[in-house]
Amino acid sequence: MEHMQDECGFTLVELMLSILLLSILFLAAWGLFAQGFVFWKQGEHKVDMNDSLRISLDRMGRELRYTEGISTVSDISSLNFKTAEGKNVKYYCYSNQLIRGEQGLSGWGYSPVTSDIESIEFIYTTSFGLDINESNIATQKQLYPTTWTAYINLVAITITARKEGSKVDPVVLTQKVSLRALP
């Protein structure tokens, strides 16, 4: 049998080695792609949350800005007020949704404003500079049950949201609203 000399080709070892190197390169590229996709999805969730919260805060702020006054049934986790048109409106968090309630002729009607809400907090500031928050609202309601909201001229709304199933840090937005149409 004659030996083949100067033959061009790959041996089985060379072929296996090249397949192994290409596999390692492919797995590394796939890992980078997968990680990039995860970061992109997290960024998308964060942008969606920011947009949704900004729209919700804007709507609440516009209604609250021209309110006739804050209702005494309001507290840190819910806000009740009467609009300039005389409608009673309520905002609160229920079952991971920001809910807006409006009292009509046939009773209260409720509709979700946005979802994926972890918490909502309202801090009220009076014209005297007193912040009514979680630490002192019970005292204010006990001392002044019918008038504790009479001198409120600023409401700070803080909403915390996190996309369900997402590992992204929660998005927290705060808006301060000055009441213009005081009673």
N, C-alpha and C. Protein backbone atom coordinates (compact mmCIF):
# COMPACT_ATOMS: atom_id res chain seq x y z
N MET A 1 0.83 -1.16 0.00
CA MET A 1 0.00 0.00 0.00
C MET A 1 0.88 1.23 0.00
N GLU A 2 0.52 2.10 -0.80
CA GLU A 2 1.33 3.31 -0.89
C GLU A 2 0.85 4.33 0.12
N HIS A 3 1.83 5.01 0.70
CA HIS A 3 1.50 6.08 1.64
C HIS A 3 1.14 7.33 0.87
N MET A 4 0.09 7.97 1.36
CA MET A 4 -0.31 9.21 0.72
C MET A 4 0.54 10.32 1.28
N GLN A 5 1.18 10.99 0.43
CA GLN A 5 2.01 12.09 0.85
C GLN A 5 1.46 13.38 0.29
N ASP A 6 1.70 14.42 1.05
CA ASP A 6 1.26 15.76 0.68
C ASP A 6 -0.25 15.82 0.41
N GLU A 7 -1.00 15.04 1.15
CA GLU A 7 -2.46 15.07 1.04
C GLU A 7 -2.99 16.22 1.90
N CYS A 8 -3.92 16.96 1.37
CA CYS A 8 -4.56 18.03 2.13
C CYS A 8 -5.82 17.47 2.76
N GLY A 9 -6.01 17.74 4.05
CA GLY A 9 -7.20 17.26 4.74
C GLY A 9 -7.00 17.35 6.24
N PHE A 10 -8.03 16.96 6.96
CA PHE A 10 -7.99 17.02 8.42
C PHE A 10 -8.00 15.61 8.97
N THR A 11 -7.29 15.45 10.02
CA THR A 11 -7.36 14.18 10.72
C THR A 11 -8.56 14.23 11.65
N LEU A 12 -8.93 13.10 12.17
CA LEU A 12 -10.08 13.03 13.07
C LEU A 12 -9.82 13.88 14.33
N VAL A 13 -8.62 13.89 14.84
CA VAL A 13 -8.28 14.68 16.02
C VAL A 13 -8.42 16.17 15.72
N GLU A 14 -7.94 16.61 14.58
CA GLU A 14 -8.05 18.02 14.21
C GLU A 14 -9.52 18.43 14.05
N LEU A 15 -10.30 17.55 13.46
CA LEU A 15 -11.72 17.83 13.27
C LEU A 15 -12.43 17.94 14.63
N MET A 16 -12.15 17.02 15.54
CA MET A 16 -12.77 17.05 16.87
C MET A 16 -12.35 18.30 17.65
N LEU A 17 -11.08 18.67 17.53
CA LEU A 17 -10.58 19.86 18.22
C LEU A 17 -11.25 21.13 17.68
N SER A 18 -11.41 21.23 16.37
CA SER A 18 -12.05 22.42 15.80
C SER A 18 -13.53 22.48 16.18
N ILE A 19 -14.22 21.34 16.24
CA ILE A 19 -15.62 21.31 16.67
C ILE A 19 -15.73 21.74 18.13
N LEU A 20 -14.81 21.28 18.97
CA LEU A 20 -14.80 21.67 20.38
C LEU A 20 -14.60 23.17 20.54
N LEU A 21 -13.64 23.74 19.82
CA LEU A 21 -13.38 25.18 19.91
C LEU A 21 -14.57 25.99 19.40
N LEU A 22 -15.18 25.57 18.31
CA LEU A 22 -16.36 26.27 17.79
C LEU A 22 -17.54 26.17 18.77
N SER A 23 -17.67 25.02 19.43
CA SER A 23 -18.75 24.86 20.42
C SER A 23 -18.55 25.80 21.59
N ILE A 24 -17.31 25.91 22.07
CA ILE A 24 -17.02 26.83 23.17
C ILE A 24 -17.31 28.26 22.76
N LEU A 25 -16.90 28.63 21.56
CA LEU A 25 -17.15 29.98 21.04
C LEU A 25 -18.65 30.24 20.91
N PHE A 26 -19.40 29.26 20.41
CA PHE A 26 -20.85 29.40 20.26
C PHE A 26 -21.53 29.56 21.62
N LEU A 27 -21.12 28.75 22.61
CA LEU A 27 -21.71 28.86 23.95
C LEU A 27 -21.41 30.20 24.59
N ALA A 28 -20.22 30.72 24.39
CA ALA A 28 -19.89 32.04 24.93
C ALA A 28 -20.75 33.12 24.28
N ALA A 29 -20.90 33.04 22.96
CA ALA A 29 -21.73 34.02 22.24
C ALA A 29 -23.20 33.90 22.70
N TRP A 30 -23.67 32.67 22.88
CA TRP A 30 -25.04 32.46 23.34
C TRP A 30 -25.25 33.04 24.74
N GLY A 31 -24.26 32.87 25.63
CA GLY A 31 -24.33 33.42 26.98
C GLY A 31 -24.41 34.94 26.95
N LEU A 32 -23.60 35.56 26.09
CA LEU A 32 -23.64 37.02 25.96
C LEU A 32 -25.00 37.48 25.43
N PHE A 33 -25.51 36.76 24.45
CA PHE A 33 -26.82 37.11 23.90
C PHE A 33 -27.91 36.98 24.96
N ALA A 34 -27.89 35.89 25.72
CA ALA A 34 -28.91 35.66 26.75
C ALA A 34 -28.83 36.74 27.83
N GLN A 35 -27.63 37.10 28.24
CA GLN A 35 -27.47 38.14 29.26
C GLN A 35 -27.94 39.49 28.73
N GLY A 36 -27.62 39.78 27.49
CA GLY A 36 -28.09 41.02 26.86
C GLY A 36 -29.60 41.08 26.79
N PHE A 37 -30.22 39.94 26.48
CA PHE A 37 -31.68 39.88 26.41
C PHE A 37 -32.30 40.14 27.78
N VAL A 38 -31.70 39.57 28.84
CA VAL A 38 -32.20 39.78 30.21
C VAL A 38 -32.11 41.26 30.58
N PHE A 39 -30.96 41.89 30.28
CA PHE A 39 -30.80 43.32 30.58
C PHE A 39 -31.80 44.16 29.80
N TRP A 40 -32.03 43.80 28.55
CA TRP A 40 -32.98 44.54 27.71
C TRP A 40 -34.39 44.42 28.29
N LYS A 41 -34.78 43.20 28.72
CA LYS A 41 -36.11 43.00 29.29
C LYS A 41 -36.27 43.79 30.59
N GLN A 42 -35.22 43.79 31.43
CA GLN A 42 -35.28 44.55 32.68
C GLN A 42 -35.42 46.05 32.40
N GLY A 43 -34.68 46.53 31.42
CA GLY A 43 -34.79 47.94 31.05
C GLY A 43 -36.18 48.27 30.52
N GLU A 44 -36.73 47.36 29.74
CA GLU A 44 -38.08 47.56 29.20
C GLU A 44 -39.10 47.62 30.33
N HIS A 45 -38.98 46.72 31.31
CA HIS A 45 -39.89 46.75 32.46
C HIS A 45 -39.78 48.06 33.22
N LYS A 46 -38.56 48.53 33.41
CA LYS A 46 -38.35 49.77 34.15
C LYS A 46 -38.95 50.97 33.40
N VAL A 47 -38.76 51.02 32.10
CA VAL A 47 -39.33 52.11 31.30
C VAL A 47 -40.86 52.05 31.33
N ASP A 48 -41.43 50.84 31.20
CA ASP A 48 -42.88 50.69 31.27
C ASP A 48 -43.42 51.18 32.61
N MET A 49 -42.75 50.80 33.68
CA MET A 49 -43.18 51.22 35.02
C MET A 49 -43.11 52.74 35.16
N ASN A 50 -41.99 53.33 34.72
CA ASN A 50 -41.84 54.79 34.81
C ASN A 50 -42.94 55.50 34.04
N ASP A 51 -43.20 55.06 32.81
CA ASP A 51 -44.23 55.69 32.00
C ASP A 51 -45.61 55.57 32.65
N SER A 52 -45.92 54.37 33.10
CA SER A 52 -47.22 54.13 33.72
C SER A 52 -47.41 54.97 34.99
N LEU A 53 -46.36 55.02 35.81
CA LEU A 53 -46.46 55.80 37.05
C LEU A 53 -46.54 57.30 36.76
N ARG A 54 -45.78 57.74 35.77
CA ARG A 54 -45.81 59.17 35.43
C ARG A 54 -47.20 59.59 34.95
N ILE A 55 -47.81 58.77 34.13
CA ILE A 55 -49.16 59.07 33.64
C ILE A 55 -50.16 59.08 34.80
N SER A 56 -50.04 58.10 35.69
CA SER A 56 -50.95 58.03 36.85
C SER A 56 -50.78 59.22 37.77
N LEU A 57 -49.53 59.57 38.06
CA LEU A 57 -49.28 60.73 38.93
C LEU A 57 -49.77 62.02 38.29
N ASP A 58 -49.61 62.13 36.98
CA ASP A 58 -50.08 63.33 36.29
C ASP A 58 -51.60 63.45 36.40
N ARG A 59 -52.30 62.34 36.21
CA ARG A 59 -53.76 62.38 36.30
C ARG A 59 -54.21 62.75 37.72
N MET A 60 -53.60 62.10 38.71
CA MET A 60 -53.95 62.41 40.09
C MET A 60 -53.64 63.86 40.42
N GLY A 61 -52.50 64.34 39.97
CA GLY A 61 -52.09 65.71 40.25
C GLY A 61 -53.03 66.73 39.64
N ARG A 62 -53.45 66.48 38.38
CA ARG A 62 -54.37 67.42 37.73
C ARG A 62 -55.70 67.49 38.47
N GLU A 63 -56.22 66.34 38.89
CA GLU A 63 -57.49 66.35 39.62
C GLU A 63 -57.34 67.00 40.99
N LEU A 64 -56.25 66.67 41.65
CA LEU A 64 -56.04 67.16 43.01
C LEU A 64 -55.73 68.65 43.06
N ARG A 65 -55.09 69.15 42.03
CA ARG A 65 -54.69 70.56 42.00
C ARG A 65 -55.90 71.49 42.15
N TYR A 66 -57.01 71.11 41.58
CA TYR A 66 -58.20 71.97 41.60
C TYR A 66 -59.31 71.42 42.49
N THR A 67 -58.93 70.69 43.51
CA THR A 67 -59.91 70.11 44.41
C THR A 67 -60.56 71.18 45.29
N GLU A 68 -61.74 70.87 45.76
CA GLU A 68 -62.41 71.74 46.72
C GLU A 68 -61.89 71.49 48.13
N GLY A 69 -61.22 70.38 48.32
CA GLY A 69 -60.65 70.06 49.63
C GLY A 69 -60.49 68.57 49.82
N ILE A 70 -59.60 68.24 50.74
CA ILE A 70 -59.34 66.84 51.07
C ILE A 70 -60.38 66.39 52.09
N SER A 71 -60.92 65.19 51.91
CA SER A 71 -61.90 64.65 52.84
C SER A 71 -61.21 64.13 54.10
N THR A 72 -61.92 64.19 55.22
CA THR A 72 -61.34 63.74 56.49
C THR A 72 -61.21 62.22 56.57
N VAL A 73 -61.80 61.48 55.64
CA VAL A 73 -61.62 60.02 55.64
C VAL A 73 -60.32 59.61 54.95
N SER A 74 -59.60 60.56 54.39
CA SER A 74 -58.31 60.27 53.77
C SER A 74 -57.33 59.81 54.84
N ASP A 75 -56.34 59.06 54.40
CA ASP A 75 -55.27 58.68 55.32
C ASP A 75 -53.98 58.53 54.52
N ILE A 76 -53.01 57.82 55.06
CA ILE A 76 -51.71 57.69 54.41
C ILE A 76 -51.79 56.81 53.16
N SER A 77 -52.69 55.83 53.15
CA SER A 77 -52.76 54.91 52.02
C SER A 77 -53.94 55.15 51.09
N SER A 78 -54.79 56.11 51.40
CA SER A 78 -55.88 56.45 50.48
C SER A 78 -56.14 57.95 50.53
N LEU A 79 -56.59 58.46 49.40
CA LEU A 79 -56.84 59.90 49.27
C LEU A 79 -58.27 60.10 48.78
N ASN A 80 -59.05 60.83 49.55
CA ASN A 80 -60.43 61.16 49.18
C ASN A 80 -60.54 62.67 49.07
N PHE A 81 -61.18 63.13 47.99
CA PHE A 81 -61.36 64.57 47.83
C PHE A 81 -62.55 64.84 46.94
N LYS A 82 -62.96 66.09 46.93
CA LYS A 82 -64.07 66.53 46.08
C LYS A 82 -63.48 67.38 44.97
N THR A 83 -63.79 67.03 43.73
CA THR A 83 -63.25 67.77 42.59
C THR A 83 -63.95 69.12 42.46
N ALA A 84 -63.42 69.95 41.59
CA ALA A 84 -64.01 71.27 41.36
C ALA A 84 -65.44 71.15 40.82
N GLU A 85 -65.72 70.02 40.15
CA GLU A 85 -67.07 69.78 39.62
C GLU A 85 -68.01 69.22 40.69
N GLY A 86 -67.49 68.98 41.89
CA GLY A 86 -68.32 68.49 42.98
C GLY A 86 -68.39 66.97 43.10
N LYS A 87 -67.58 66.24 42.34
CA LYS A 87 -67.58 64.78 42.41
C LYS A 87 -66.62 64.31 43.51
N ASN A 88 -67.06 63.31 44.26
CA ASN A 88 -66.18 62.69 45.25
C ASN A 88 -65.30 61.66 44.55
N VAL A 89 -63.99 61.76 44.78
CA VAL A 89 -63.02 60.87 44.13
C VAL A 89 -62.15 60.25 45.21
N LYS A 90 -61.78 58.99 44.98
CA LYS A 90 -60.93 58.28 45.93
C LYS A 90 -59.85 57.53 45.16
N TYR A 91 -58.60 57.62 45.64
CA TYR A 91 -57.48 56.86 45.09
C TYR A 91 -56.91 55.98 46.19
N TYR A 92 -56.65 54.73 45.86
CA TYR A 92 -56.04 53.82 46.83
C TYR A 92 -55.45 52.62 46.08
N CYS A 93 -54.65 51.84 46.79
CA CYS A 93 -54.01 50.65 46.22
C CYS A 93 -54.76 49.41 46.69
N TYR A 94 -55.15 48.56 45.74
CA TYR A 94 -55.82 47.32 46.09
C TYR A 94 -55.39 46.24 45.12
N SER A 95 -54.94 45.12 45.64
CA SER A 95 -54.56 43.97 44.82
C SER A 95 -53.57 44.36 43.73
N ASN A 96 -52.52 45.07 44.12
CA ASN A 96 -51.44 45.52 43.21
C ASN A 96 -51.92 46.43 42.09
N GLN A 97 -53.01 47.13 42.31
CA GLN A 97 -53.50 48.10 41.33
C GLN A 97 -53.79 49.42 42.03
N LEU A 98 -53.55 50.51 41.30
CA LEU A 98 -53.98 51.82 41.76
C LEU A 98 -55.41 51.98 41.28
N ILE A 99 -56.32 52.16 42.21
CA ILE A 99 -57.75 52.22 41.90
C ILE A 99 -58.24 53.66 42.06
N ARG A 100 -59.07 54.09 41.12
CA ARG A 100 -59.73 55.39 41.21
C ARG A 100 -61.22 55.13 41.35
N GLY A 101 -61.78 55.65 42.43
CA GLY A 101 -63.21 55.53 42.63
C GLY A 101 -63.86 56.90 42.46
N GLU A 102 -65.04 56.90 41.87
CA GLU A 102 -65.77 58.16 41.69
C GLU A 102 -67.22 57.91 42.07
N GLN A 103 -67.75 58.80 42.90
CA GLN A 103 -69.12 58.65 43.34
C GLN A 103 -70.05 59.31 42.34
N GLY A 104 -70.95 58.51 41.81
CA GLY A 104 -71.94 59.01 40.86
C GLY A 104 -73.34 58.92 41.45
N LEU A 105 -74.33 59.07 40.61
CA LEU A 105 -75.72 59.02 41.07
C LEU A 105 -76.10 57.65 41.59
N SER A 106 -75.53 56.61 40.99
CA SER A 106 -75.88 55.24 41.40
C SER A 106 -74.88 54.64 42.38
N GLY A 107 -74.05 55.46 43.00
CA GLY A 107 -73.07 54.96 43.96
C GLY A 107 -71.65 55.10 43.43
N TRP A 108 -70.76 54.36 44.05
CA TRP A 108 -69.35 54.44 43.68
C TRP A 108 -69.06 53.55 42.48
N GLY A 109 -68.28 54.09 41.56
CA GLY A 109 -67.76 53.32 40.43
C GLY A 109 -66.24 53.29 40.53
N TYR A 110 -65.66 52.12 40.36
CA TYR A 110 -64.21 51.96 40.52
C TYR A 110 -63.57 51.51 39.22
N SER A 111 -62.40 52.06 38.94
CA SER A 111 -61.65 51.63 37.76
C SER A 111 -60.16 51.66 38.07
N PRO A 112 -59.42 50.67 37.55
CA PRO A 112 -57.97 50.65 37.77
C PRO A 112 -57.29 51.73 36.94
N VAL A 113 -56.32 52.39 37.54
CA VAL A 113 -55.55 53.42 36.83
C VAL A 113 -54.27 52.81 36.27
N THR A 114 -53.60 52.00 37.08
CA THR A 114 -52.39 51.31 36.65
C THR A 114 -52.21 50.07 37.52
N SER A 115 -51.37 49.16 37.06
CA SER A 115 -51.16 47.91 37.80
C SER A 115 -49.71 47.78 38.24
N ASP A 116 -49.41 46.67 38.89
CA ASP A 116 -48.07 46.36 39.41
C ASP A 116 -47.64 47.34 40.50
N ILE A 117 -48.58 47.85 41.27
CA ILE A 117 -48.30 48.79 42.35
C ILE A 117 -48.01 48.02 43.63
N GLU A 118 -46.89 48.33 44.26
CA GLU A 118 -46.57 47.72 45.55
C GLU A 118 -47.16 48.53 46.69
N SER A 119 -47.07 49.85 46.59
CA SER A 119 -47.62 50.69 47.66
C SER A 119 -47.84 52.10 47.15
N ILE A 120 -48.70 52.80 47.88
CA ILE A 120 -48.92 54.22 47.61
C ILE A 120 -48.97 54.91 48.97
N GLU A 121 -48.41 56.10 49.03
CA GLU A 121 -48.37 56.84 50.30
C GLU A 121 -48.68 58.31 50.02
N PHE A 122 -49.53 58.87 50.87
CA PHE A 122 -49.88 60.28 50.79
C PHE A 122 -49.39 60.97 52.05
N ILE A 123 -48.63 62.04 51.89
CA ILE A 123 -48.19 62.86 53.02
C ILE A 123 -48.76 64.25 52.80
N TYR A 124 -49.45 64.74 53.80
CA TYR A 124 -50.16 66.01 53.71
C TYR A 124 -49.37 67.09 54.45
N THR A 125 -49.26 68.27 53.85
CA THR A 125 -48.58 69.40 54.49
C THR A 125 -49.58 70.53 54.66
N THR A 126 -49.63 71.07 55.86
CA THR A 126 -50.57 72.16 56.14
C THR A 126 -49.92 73.50 55.81
N SER A 127 -50.73 74.54 55.81
CA SER A 127 -50.21 75.88 55.56
C SER A 127 -49.31 76.36 56.69
N PHE A 128 -49.33 75.65 57.82
CA PHE A 128 -48.45 75.98 58.95
C PHE A 128 -47.11 75.26 58.85
N GLY A 129 -46.94 74.41 57.82
CA GLY A 129 -45.70 73.67 57.65
C GLY A 129 -45.67 72.33 58.34
N LEU A 130 -46.77 71.89 58.91
CA LEU A 130 -46.83 70.59 59.59
C LEU A 130 -47.03 69.48 58.56
N ASP A 131 -46.14 68.50 58.56
CA ASP A 131 -46.30 67.33 57.71
C ASP A 131 -47.13 66.29 58.45
N ILE A 132 -48.22 65.89 57.84
CA ILE A 132 -49.07 64.85 58.42
C ILE A 132 -48.73 63.57 57.68
N ASN A 133 -48.06 62.67 58.40
CA ASN A 133 -47.61 61.42 57.79
C ASN A 133 -47.99 60.25 58.69
N GLU A 134 -47.37 59.11 58.42
CA GLU A 134 -47.72 57.89 59.15
C GLU A 134 -47.53 58.02 60.66
N SER A 135 -46.54 58.80 61.07
CA SER A 135 -46.24 58.90 62.50
C SER A 135 -47.23 59.76 63.28
N ASN A 136 -47.95 60.67 62.62
CA ASN A 136 -48.81 61.57 63.39
C ASN A 136 -50.24 61.70 62.86
N ILE A 137 -50.62 60.94 61.86
CA ILE A 137 -51.97 61.10 61.31
C ILE A 137 -53.04 60.64 62.30
N ALA A 138 -52.75 59.59 63.06
CA ALA A 138 -53.74 59.12 64.04
C ALA A 138 -53.99 60.19 65.10
N THR A 139 -52.94 60.86 65.53
CA THR A 139 -53.09 61.94 66.51
C THR A 139 -53.90 63.09 65.94
N GLN A 140 -53.60 63.48 64.69
CA GLN A 140 -54.34 64.57 64.06
C GLN A 140 -55.82 64.23 63.93
N LYS A 141 -56.11 62.98 63.53
CA LYS A 141 -57.51 62.58 63.38
C LYS A 141 -58.22 62.52 64.73
N GLN A 142 -57.48 62.17 65.77
CA GLN A 142 -58.09 62.10 67.10
C GLN A 142 -58.32 63.49 67.68
N LEU A 143 -57.35 64.38 67.52
CA LEU A 143 -57.48 65.74 68.07
C LEU A 143 -58.47 66.59 67.28
N TYR A 144 -58.45 66.46 65.95
CA TYR A 144 -59.28 67.29 65.08
C TYR A 144 -60.05 66.40 64.10
N PRO A 145 -61.02 65.62 64.55
CA PRO A 145 -61.67 64.63 63.67
C PRO A 145 -62.39 65.22 62.46
N THR A 146 -62.91 66.43 62.57
CA THR A 146 -63.66 67.00 61.45
C THR A 146 -62.90 68.10 60.72
N THR A 147 -61.76 68.52 61.25
CA THR A 147 -61.06 69.65 60.63
C THR A 147 -59.58 69.39 60.33
N TRP A 148 -59.09 68.16 60.52
CA TRP A 148 -57.65 67.94 60.34
C TRP A 148 -57.19 68.20 58.91
N THR A 149 -58.09 68.18 57.95
CA THR A 149 -57.71 68.43 56.55
C THR A 149 -57.94 69.88 56.12
N ALA A 150 -58.47 70.71 57.00
CA ALA A 150 -58.87 72.07 56.62
C ALA A 150 -57.72 72.93 56.12
N TYR A 151 -56.53 72.74 56.65
CA TYR A 151 -55.42 73.62 56.29
C TYR A 151 -54.38 72.95 55.40
N ILE A 152 -54.74 71.83 54.79
CA ILE A 152 -53.80 71.14 53.90
C ILE A 152 -53.70 71.93 52.60
N ASN A 153 -52.47 72.25 52.21
CA ASN A 153 -52.27 72.95 50.94
C ASN A 153 -51.26 72.26 50.03
N LEU A 154 -50.70 71.13 50.49
CA LEU A 154 -49.73 70.39 49.68
C LEU A 154 -49.88 68.90 49.99
N VAL A 155 -49.91 68.09 48.94
CA VAL A 155 -49.98 66.64 49.10
C VAL A 155 -48.81 66.03 48.34
N ALA A 156 -48.02 65.22 49.04
CA ALA A 156 -46.92 64.48 48.41
C ALA A 156 -47.41 63.06 48.17
N ILE A 157 -47.37 62.63 46.91
CA ILE A 157 -47.83 61.30 46.53
C ILE A 157 -46.60 60.48 46.16
N THR A 158 -46.41 59.34 46.81
CA THR A 158 -45.30 58.44 46.50
C THR A 158 -45.87 57.10 46.09
N ILE A 159 -45.53 56.66 44.88
CA ILE A 159 -45.99 55.37 44.38
C ILE A 159 -44.77 54.48 44.15
N THR A 160 -44.85 53.25 44.64
CA THR A 160 -43.80 52.26 44.43
C THR A 160 -44.39 51.13 43.59
N ALA A 161 -43.70 50.78 42.51
CA ALA A 161 -44.20 49.74 41.61
C ALA A 161 -43.07 48.80 41.21
N ARG A 162 -43.45 47.56 40.97
CA ARG A 162 -42.51 46.56 40.46
C ARG A 162 -43.29 45.63 39.54
N LYS A 163 -42.75 45.40 38.36
CA LYS A 163 -43.38 44.50 37.40
C LYS A 163 -43.43 43.10 38.00
N GLU A 164 -44.61 42.49 37.98
CA GLU A 164 -44.77 41.18 38.58
C GLU A 164 -43.90 40.16 37.84
N GLY A 165 -43.15 39.38 38.61
CA GLY A 165 -42.28 38.37 38.03
C GLY A 165 -40.93 38.91 37.59
N SER A 166 -40.70 40.18 37.77
CA SER A 166 -39.44 40.80 37.35
C SER A 166 -38.48 40.88 38.53
N LYS A 167 -37.20 40.79 38.22
CA LYS A 167 -36.18 40.90 39.26
C LYS A 167 -35.60 42.31 39.34
N VAL A 168 -36.24 43.22 38.65
CA VAL A 168 -35.79 44.61 38.63
C VAL A 168 -36.16 45.27 39.95
N ASP A 169 -35.31 46.19 40.41
CA ASP A 169 -35.62 46.95 41.62
C ASP A 169 -36.92 47.72 41.41
N PRO A 170 -37.66 47.95 42.50
CA PRO A 170 -38.91 48.71 42.35
C PRO A 170 -38.66 50.14 41.88
N VAL A 171 -39.63 50.66 41.15
CA VAL A 171 -39.58 52.05 40.68
C VAL A 171 -40.38 52.88 41.68
N VAL A 172 -39.78 53.96 42.16
CA VAL A 172 -40.44 54.84 43.12
C VAL A 172 -40.50 56.24 42.53
N LEU A 173 -41.71 56.77 42.40
CA LEU A 173 -41.89 58.14 41.92
C LEU A 173 -42.68 58.93 42.96
N THR A 174 -42.29 60.18 43.13
CA THR A 174 -42.97 61.07 44.08
C THR A 174 -43.35 62.36 43.37
N GLN A 175 -44.54 62.83 43.65
CA GLN A 175 -44.99 64.11 43.10
C GLN A 175 -45.62 64.91 44.23
N LYS A 176 -45.27 66.18 44.29
CA LYS A 176 -45.89 67.08 45.26
C LYS A 176 -46.88 67.96 44.52
N VAL A 177 -48.10 68.02 45.05
CA VAL A 177 -49.17 68.75 44.40
C VAL A 177 -49.66 69.85 45.33
N SER A 178 -49.59 71.09 44.86
CA SER A 178 -50.15 72.23 45.61
C SER A 178 -51.63 72.36 45.27
N LEU A 179 -52.44 72.46 46.30
CA LEU A 179 -53.87 72.62 46.09
C LEU A 179 -54.14 74.09 45.78
N ARG A 180 -54.77 74.34 44.64
CA ARG A 180 -54.99 75.73 44.21
C ARG A 180 -56.38 76.23 44.54
N ALA A 181 -57.38 75.38 44.37
CA ALA A 181 -58.76 75.81 44.60
C ALA A 181 -59.16 75.44 46.02
N LEU A 182 -58.62 76.16 46.98
CA LEU A 182 -58.93 75.87 48.37
C LEU A 182 -60.35 76.31 48.70
N PRO A 183 -60.99 75.61 49.65
CA PRO A 183 -62.38 75.96 50.00
C PRO A 183 -62.47 77.31 50.66
